Protein backbone atom coordinates (compact mmCIF):
# COMPACT_ATOMS: atom_id res chain seq x y z
CA MET A 1 -103.12 68.01 -117.46
CA SER A 2 -104.22 64.89 -119.32
CA PHE A 3 -107.35 62.74 -119.13
CA ASN A 4 -109.99 65.40 -119.51
CA SER A 5 -112.08 63.22 -121.82
CA PHE A 6 -114.45 60.30 -121.31
CA GLY A 7 -116.45 58.01 -123.57
CA HIS A 8 -115.59 55.84 -126.57
CA LEU A 9 -117.76 56.74 -129.58
CA PHE A 10 -119.67 59.54 -127.84
CA ARG A 11 -116.69 61.38 -126.40
CA VAL A 12 -116.80 64.40 -124.10
CA THR A 13 -113.85 66.64 -123.25
CA THR A 14 -114.41 69.30 -120.60
CA TRP A 15 -112.29 72.41 -120.12
CA GLY A 16 -112.09 75.49 -117.92
CA GLU A 17 -111.79 76.43 -114.26
CA SER A 18 -114.10 77.63 -111.52
CA HIS A 19 -112.89 81.25 -111.65
CA GLY A 20 -111.76 81.49 -115.26
CA PRO A 21 -113.71 83.48 -117.85
CA ALA A 22 -115.62 80.40 -119.01
CA LEU A 23 -115.82 76.63 -119.00
CA GLY A 24 -117.37 74.13 -121.34
CA ALA A 25 -117.22 70.88 -123.27
CA THR A 26 -116.28 69.57 -126.67
CA VAL A 27 -118.64 66.78 -127.72
CA ASP A 28 -117.38 64.47 -130.45
CA GLY A 29 -119.19 61.51 -131.99
CA CYS A 30 -122.70 62.94 -131.97
CA PRO A 31 -124.64 61.53 -134.96
CA PRO A 32 -125.70 64.06 -137.62
CA GLY A 33 -129.23 65.27 -138.16
CA VAL A 34 -130.27 65.36 -134.50
CA PRO A 35 -132.38 68.42 -133.60
CA LEU A 36 -130.36 70.54 -131.17
CA THR A 37 -130.58 74.12 -129.92
CA GLU A 38 -129.37 75.88 -126.79
CA ALA A 39 -132.95 75.72 -125.52
CA ASP A 40 -132.73 71.91 -125.55
CA ILE A 41 -129.70 71.96 -123.24
CA GLN A 42 -130.54 74.86 -120.92
CA PRO A 43 -133.26 73.16 -118.80
CA TRP A 44 -130.75 70.54 -117.61
CA LEU A 45 -128.25 73.25 -116.65
CA ASP A 46 -130.99 75.10 -114.80
CA LYS A 47 -131.48 72.02 -112.60
CA ARG A 48 -127.80 72.04 -111.60
CA LYS A 49 -126.99 75.76 -111.37
CA PRO A 50 -126.05 77.27 -107.99
CA GLY A 51 -128.00 79.70 -105.85
CA GLN A 52 -131.45 78.18 -106.33
CA ASN A 53 -132.23 77.83 -102.62
CA LYS A 54 -130.68 78.41 -99.20
CA TYR A 55 -129.29 74.87 -99.05
CA THR A 56 -126.81 75.37 -101.90
CA THR A 57 -123.97 77.80 -102.57
CA GLN A 58 -125.16 81.37 -103.08
CA ARG A 59 -122.87 81.92 -106.04
CA ARG A 60 -125.16 83.37 -108.73
CA GLU A 61 -124.50 81.97 -112.19
CA ALA A 62 -126.94 81.96 -115.09
CA ASP A 63 -125.11 78.96 -116.56
CA ALA A 64 -126.30 80.04 -120.00
CA VAL A 65 -124.94 77.64 -122.61
CA GLU A 66 -123.66 78.75 -126.00
CA ILE A 67 -123.26 76.38 -128.96
CA LEU A 68 -120.19 77.46 -130.93
CA SER A 69 -119.91 74.67 -133.51
CA GLY A 70 -121.31 71.38 -134.78
CA VAL A 71 -124.88 72.60 -135.39
CA TYR A 72 -126.37 74.04 -138.57
CA GLU A 73 -129.95 75.25 -138.94
CA GLY A 74 -130.96 73.56 -135.69
CA LYS A 75 -129.48 70.12 -136.43
CA THR A 76 -126.20 68.46 -135.56
CA THR A 77 -123.75 68.10 -138.43
CA GLY A 78 -121.76 65.13 -137.11
CA THR A 79 -118.74 67.34 -136.41
CA PRO A 80 -117.48 68.31 -132.92
CA ILE A 81 -119.95 70.35 -130.89
CA GLN A 82 -118.35 73.08 -128.82
CA LEU A 83 -120.32 74.21 -125.76
CA MET A 84 -119.39 77.22 -123.62
CA ILE A 85 -120.70 78.52 -120.30
CA ARG A 86 -119.40 81.88 -119.13
CA ASN A 87 -118.50 82.46 -115.48
CA THR A 88 -120.07 85.71 -114.29
CA ASP A 89 -120.03 85.66 -110.46
CA GLN A 90 -116.50 84.80 -109.36
CA ARG A 91 -115.22 86.16 -106.05
CA SER A 92 -111.58 85.21 -106.20
CA LYS A 93 -110.77 87.43 -103.22
CA ASP A 94 -112.57 84.91 -101.00
CA TYR A 95 -109.60 82.59 -101.53
CA GLY A 96 -106.83 85.12 -100.86
CA GLU A 97 -106.09 83.68 -97.42
CA ILE A 98 -105.47 80.14 -98.70
CA VAL A 99 -103.05 80.85 -101.55
CA LYS A 100 -100.25 79.19 -99.59
CA THR A 101 -102.38 76.94 -97.40
CA PHE A 102 -103.81 73.50 -98.13
CA ARG A 103 -107.47 72.99 -97.20
CA PRO A 104 -108.11 69.63 -95.48
CA GLY A 105 -110.34 67.38 -97.57
CA HIS A 106 -109.63 69.28 -100.80
CA ALA A 107 -107.45 68.43 -103.79
CA ASP A 108 -105.23 71.45 -103.07
CA ILE A 109 -102.39 69.37 -101.65
CA THR A 110 -102.47 66.57 -104.22
CA TYR A 111 -102.62 68.97 -107.19
CA TYR A 112 -99.58 70.78 -105.78
CA GLN A 113 -97.75 67.52 -105.14
CA LYS A 114 -98.40 66.40 -108.73
CA TYR A 115 -97.97 69.62 -110.75
CA GLY A 116 -95.98 71.93 -108.44
CA ILE A 117 -98.62 74.61 -109.00
CA ARG A 118 -102.32 75.01 -108.26
CA ASP A 119 -105.16 77.44 -108.84
CA PRO A 120 -106.51 78.32 -105.36
CA ARG A 121 -109.52 80.24 -106.70
CA GLY A 122 -112.42 77.94 -105.90
CA GLY A 123 -110.25 74.90 -106.48
CA GLY A 124 -109.65 75.70 -110.14
CA ARG A 125 -110.08 72.60 -112.26
CA SER A 126 -110.96 70.42 -109.25
CA SER A 127 -114.02 72.56 -108.45
CA ALA A 128 -117.50 71.05 -108.76
CA ARG A 129 -118.17 73.94 -111.12
CA GLU A 130 -116.60 71.73 -113.81
CA THR A 131 -119.69 69.52 -113.69
CA ALA A 132 -121.74 72.22 -115.45
CA ALA A 133 -119.86 71.27 -118.62
CA ARG A 134 -120.83 67.62 -118.19
CA VAL A 135 -124.49 68.52 -117.75
CA ALA A 136 -124.35 70.59 -120.94
CA ALA A 137 -122.76 67.70 -122.84
CA ALA A 138 -125.43 65.37 -121.49
CA GLY A 139 -128.04 67.71 -122.90
CA VAL A 140 -126.68 66.72 -126.31
CA ALA A 141 -126.71 63.05 -125.32
CA ARG A 142 -130.34 63.27 -124.22
CA GLN A 143 -131.38 64.65 -127.60
CA VAL A 144 -129.77 61.66 -129.34
CA LEU A 145 -131.22 59.19 -126.83
CA ALA A 146 -134.68 60.62 -127.46
CA THR A 147 -134.37 59.57 -131.10
CA LEU A 148 -132.74 56.17 -130.50
CA VAL A 149 -134.67 55.02 -127.42
CA PRO A 150 -137.80 57.18 -127.07
CA ASP A 151 -139.03 55.24 -124.01
CA LEU A 152 -135.80 55.73 -122.05
CA LYS A 153 -136.19 57.80 -118.89
CA ILE A 154 -133.41 58.80 -116.49
CA THR A 155 -134.41 59.85 -112.97
CA GLY A 156 -132.14 60.89 -110.11
CA TYR A 157 -132.96 61.59 -106.47
CA MET A 158 -131.38 61.70 -103.04
CA VAL A 159 -131.99 58.70 -100.80
CA GLN A 160 -129.88 59.63 -97.78
CA MET A 161 -128.47 62.75 -96.13
CA GLY A 162 -126.08 62.10 -93.30
CA PRO A 163 -127.47 59.27 -91.16
CA ARG A 164 -131.10 59.81 -92.23
CA GLY A 165 -132.38 57.82 -95.22
CA ILE A 166 -135.73 57.88 -97.00
CA ASP A 167 -138.61 55.53 -96.19
CA ARG A 168 -138.77 53.43 -99.37
CA THR A 169 -142.33 52.35 -98.58
CA LYS A 170 -143.26 56.02 -99.19
CA LEU A 171 -141.15 56.51 -102.33
CA ASP A 172 -143.01 58.82 -104.72
CA LEU A 173 -141.08 60.09 -107.74
CA SER A 174 -143.74 62.71 -108.44
CA VAL A 175 -142.64 64.80 -105.42
CA ILE A 176 -138.95 65.02 -106.40
CA GLY A 177 -139.37 68.50 -107.85
CA ASP A 178 -141.43 69.76 -104.91
CA ASN A 179 -138.50 70.07 -102.48
CA PRO A 180 -134.93 71.41 -102.66
CA PHE A 181 -133.35 67.98 -102.02
CA TRP A 182 -134.65 66.00 -105.03
CA CYS A 183 -136.18 63.74 -102.39
CA PRO A 184 -138.85 61.14 -103.36
CA ASP A 185 -140.20 61.04 -99.80
CA ALA A 186 -141.92 64.29 -98.77
CA ALA A 187 -141.81 63.56 -95.04
CA THR A 188 -138.08 62.85 -95.08
CA ALA A 189 -137.45 66.02 -97.10
CA GLU A 190 -138.95 68.05 -94.26
CA LEU A 191 -136.69 66.31 -91.75
CA TRP A 192 -133.65 66.97 -93.94
CA ALA A 193 -134.53 70.66 -94.02
CA THR A 194 -134.53 70.77 -90.23
CA ASP A 195 -131.29 68.78 -90.05
CA LEU A 196 -129.50 70.99 -92.55
CA ASP A 197 -130.70 74.24 -91.00
CA ALA A 198 -129.17 73.18 -87.70
CA LEU A 199 -125.95 72.03 -89.37
CA ARG A 200 -125.48 75.24 -91.36
CA LYS A 201 -125.61 77.32 -88.18
CA THR A 202 -122.59 75.44 -86.85
CA GLY A 203 -120.57 76.01 -90.04
CA ASN A 204 -120.48 72.29 -90.76
CA SER A 205 -121.49 70.10 -93.72
CA VAL A 206 -122.89 66.63 -94.39
CA GLY A 207 -122.69 63.86 -96.99
CA ALA A 208 -125.41 62.18 -99.03
CA THR A 209 -126.32 59.19 -101.19
CA ILE A 210 -127.80 59.66 -104.66
CA GLU A 211 -129.72 57.08 -106.71
CA ILE A 212 -129.97 57.26 -110.50
CA VAL A 213 -132.44 55.00 -112.34
CA ALA A 214 -132.67 54.47 -116.10
CA SER A 215 -135.89 52.79 -117.21
CA GLY A 216 -136.69 51.67 -120.74
CA LEU A 217 -133.14 50.63 -121.73
CA PRO A 218 -133.28 47.61 -124.07
CA ALA A 219 -131.67 44.31 -123.10
CA GLY A 220 -128.27 43.50 -124.57
CA ILE A 221 -126.49 46.85 -124.08
CA GLY A 222 -122.95 46.60 -122.72
CA ALA A 223 -119.93 44.35 -123.17
CA PRO A 224 -118.85 41.24 -121.27
CA ILE A 225 -115.40 42.21 -119.97
CA TYR A 226 -113.64 45.57 -120.33
CA ALA A 227 -116.53 47.80 -121.32
CA LYS A 228 -119.17 46.40 -118.99
CA LEU A 229 -122.18 48.65 -118.65
CA ASP A 230 -121.83 48.61 -114.87
CA SER A 231 -118.07 49.26 -114.87
CA GLU A 232 -118.52 52.19 -117.28
CA LEU A 233 -121.27 53.62 -115.10
CA ALA A 234 -119.23 53.13 -111.92
CA ALA A 235 -116.22 54.85 -113.47
CA ALA A 236 -118.37 57.74 -114.69
CA MET A 237 -119.99 58.31 -111.31
CA MET A 238 -116.61 58.13 -109.54
CA THR A 239 -115.38 61.06 -111.63
CA ILE A 240 -117.99 63.33 -110.06
CA ASN A 241 -116.48 65.62 -107.43
CA ALA A 242 -116.67 64.32 -103.83
CA VAL A 243 -117.98 60.86 -104.80
CA LYS A 244 -116.33 58.17 -102.66
CA GLY A 245 -118.32 55.05 -103.50
CA VAL A 246 -120.59 53.55 -106.19
CA GLU A 247 -122.87 50.52 -106.17
CA ILE A 248 -125.09 48.83 -108.75
CA GLY A 249 -128.42 47.29 -107.74
CA ALA A 250 -128.16 45.68 -104.31
CA GLY A 251 -124.50 46.74 -104.29
CA PHE A 252 -122.70 46.21 -101.00
CA GLY A 253 -125.97 44.96 -99.56
CA ALA A 254 -125.59 41.84 -101.71
CA ALA A 255 -122.78 40.71 -99.44
CA ALA A 256 -125.35 40.12 -96.68
CA LEU A 257 -127.65 38.03 -98.91
CA THR A 258 -127.68 34.33 -99.69
CA GLY A 259 -127.68 33.02 -103.23
CA VAL A 260 -131.36 32.19 -102.94
CA GLU A 261 -132.16 35.76 -101.90
CA ASN A 262 -129.90 37.49 -104.41
CA ALA A 263 -130.60 35.64 -107.68
CA ASP A 264 -133.35 37.41 -109.62
CA GLU A 265 -135.75 34.66 -110.73
CA ILE A 266 -136.88 34.62 -114.37
CA ARG A 267 -140.09 33.59 -116.07
CA LEU A 268 -141.60 34.27 -119.47
CA GLY A 269 -144.21 37.00 -119.65
CA ASN A 270 -147.30 37.18 -121.81
CA GLU A 271 -145.34 38.56 -124.79
CA GLY A 272 -142.69 35.87 -124.57
CA LYS A 273 -140.19 38.26 -122.99
CA PRO A 274 -138.34 37.45 -119.76
CA VAL A 275 -139.83 38.85 -116.58
CA TYR A 276 -137.71 39.11 -113.43
CA GLY A 277 -139.02 38.58 -109.91
CA SER A 278 -136.63 41.14 -108.41
CA ASN A 279 -133.78 43.43 -109.45
CA HIS A 280 -130.84 42.86 -107.11
CA ALA A 281 -128.61 42.95 -110.21
CA GLY A 282 -129.56 46.56 -110.88
CA GLY A 283 -130.58 45.76 -114.46
CA ILE A 284 -127.15 44.44 -115.47
CA LEU A 285 -125.85 40.85 -115.68
CA GLY A 286 -122.35 40.06 -116.91
CA GLY A 287 -121.87 43.69 -117.89
CA ILE A 288 -124.93 43.61 -120.20
CA SER A 289 -128.36 45.17 -119.62
CA THR A 290 -131.29 42.86 -118.85
CA GLY A 291 -134.05 45.25 -119.90
CA GLN A 292 -134.90 46.00 -116.27
CA ASP A 293 -134.32 49.37 -114.64
CA VAL A 294 -130.62 50.20 -114.41
CA VAL A 295 -130.04 51.30 -110.81
CA VAL A 296 -126.88 53.12 -109.67
CA ARG A 297 -126.16 54.72 -106.30
CA PHE A 298 -123.19 56.84 -105.29
CA ALA A 299 -122.02 58.26 -101.98
CA VAL A 300 -120.97 61.92 -101.78
CA LYS A 301 -118.70 62.99 -98.94
CA PRO A 302 -119.43 66.09 -96.83
CA THR A 303 -118.36 69.39 -98.36
CA SER A 304 -114.75 70.01 -97.29
CA SER A 305 -115.15 73.81 -97.25
CA ILE A 306 -116.45 74.45 -93.73
CA LEU A 307 -116.39 77.31 -91.24
CA GLN A 308 -114.90 75.21 -88.48
CA PRO A 309 -111.13 75.26 -87.87
CA ARG A 310 -109.12 72.31 -89.17
CA GLN A 311 -105.40 71.64 -88.81
CA SER A 312 -103.25 71.78 -91.94
CA VAL A 313 -99.89 72.91 -93.33
CA THR A 314 -98.66 75.65 -95.65
CA ILE A 315 -96.68 75.29 -98.88
CA ASP A 316 -93.61 76.10 -96.76
CA GLY A 317 -94.38 73.16 -94.47
CA GLN A 318 -95.52 75.24 -91.51
CA PRO A 319 -98.45 74.11 -89.33
CA THR A 320 -101.55 76.25 -89.59
CA GLU A 321 -105.27 76.32 -88.90
CA VAL A 322 -107.76 76.63 -91.75
CA ILE A 323 -111.30 78.03 -91.81
CA THR A 324 -112.62 78.04 -95.37
CA LYS A 325 -114.64 81.17 -96.08
CA GLY A 326 -116.74 81.86 -99.16
CA ARG A 327 -119.95 80.51 -100.66
CA HIS A 328 -120.19 76.75 -100.34
CA ASP A 329 -122.79 73.97 -100.37
CA PRO A 330 -123.52 72.58 -96.88
CA CYS A 331 -124.46 69.36 -98.69
CA VAL A 332 -122.85 69.08 -102.11
CA GLY A 333 -124.90 65.95 -102.74
CA ILE A 334 -127.96 68.08 -103.49
CA ARG A 335 -126.55 69.45 -106.75
CA ALA A 336 -124.92 66.10 -107.56
CA VAL A 337 -128.33 64.69 -108.56
CA PRO A 338 -128.50 66.32 -112.03
CA VAL A 339 -124.79 65.58 -112.51
CA GLY A 340 -125.41 61.88 -111.85
CA GLU A 341 -128.25 61.94 -114.36
CA ALA A 342 -125.91 63.57 -116.87
CA MET A 343 -123.23 60.92 -116.50
CA MET A 344 -125.87 58.19 -116.87
CA ALA A 345 -127.08 59.79 -120.12
CA CYS A 346 -123.58 60.08 -121.58
CA VAL A 347 -122.62 56.49 -120.71
CA LEU A 348 -125.88 55.00 -122.01
CA LEU A 349 -125.58 56.81 -125.35
CA ASP A 350 -121.94 55.76 -125.69
CA GLN A 351 -122.88 52.14 -124.96
CA LEU A 352 -125.82 52.23 -127.38
CA LEU A 353 -123.57 53.51 -130.17
CA LEU A 354 -121.00 50.80 -129.41
CA HIS A 355 -123.75 48.18 -129.48
CA ARG A 356 -125.07 49.36 -132.85
CA ALA A 357 -121.55 49.42 -134.29
CA GLN A 358 -120.96 45.80 -133.26
CA VAL A 359 -124.29 44.02 -133.84
CA GLY A 360 -126.44 46.44 -135.82
CA GLU A 361 -130.06 47.22 -135.07
CA GLY A 362 -131.73 43.87 -135.68
CA PRO A 363 -133.16 41.67 -132.88
CA ARG A 364 -130.68 39.36 -131.14
CA GLY A 365 -131.32 36.38 -128.89
CA VAL A 366 -135.11 36.50 -129.11
CA ILE A 367 -136.68 34.35 -126.39
CA GLY A 368 -140.02 32.57 -126.65
């Protein structure tokens, strides 16, 4: 299987399957001399790991990361960093009934159509378990970002579950960690809990929308055409399991605006730097950052593994009915929040390194 890598200068290759002995990532292009230990990476994995509350899969994994190479005496050496996370709570027997059956909504059928073989245990390589490797790699990226752009902050949260969205007039980022949904609206989080409790009892699932915001990114990061900051971010978010749509800033909502409403007006601030009256552009113009918050949203489809019967076919082409048993997330969007943050971190570091390689570190296009 090809195309297991992403990034240009900061390049990440993930490996492993859901029910294999381990999974992980090879990180290439990390600058030397950056402080890095397993303790720097582990907190980000702890945010993503399964089994933390009743609204996520009850698979119990410590997701303990091991650094196998690329670090000496607590600092990166500039050589490839190998990260490994051992799988310790596989229950492959849960998938015994679907060895010859394709689960509707899953990649089972397309993997078989492409390769003529598939790993039915938890979806193998197509499992969302693969995203643990990305989060580990992003832990490395965050350490580098902390040295290059100390003021940069990446924050992810859920803004919609099923038909119910947050009340943006009550948006409070300080409450994100106080509920199991990464929700910035405490009242809506309580409603989501009620909604999901009812849905779980029926054996069903629901989709969600996640928003990732990067504040403190300097202006000028990105490229005009084929490595646009927004196109790189969109591509990265689309690689996350179950993501079916990505938008930047106003996104699809911009189609309902007029030019007067959509154009973010500019004036000079007290320090001679441009100040924008709004941020419909999501912090990116012409593929290049404006210095405003970079805002990305992505839509996550409902978990396809459900306890309600769905029609399908077997490998032999026979009609069948599928009920997917096992331990699954009723809303996979919940654990997609730290994964979205991870992809943002990896893309931003990659783009920053590309920028420095092309124009250096000096000021460019100073206004005022």
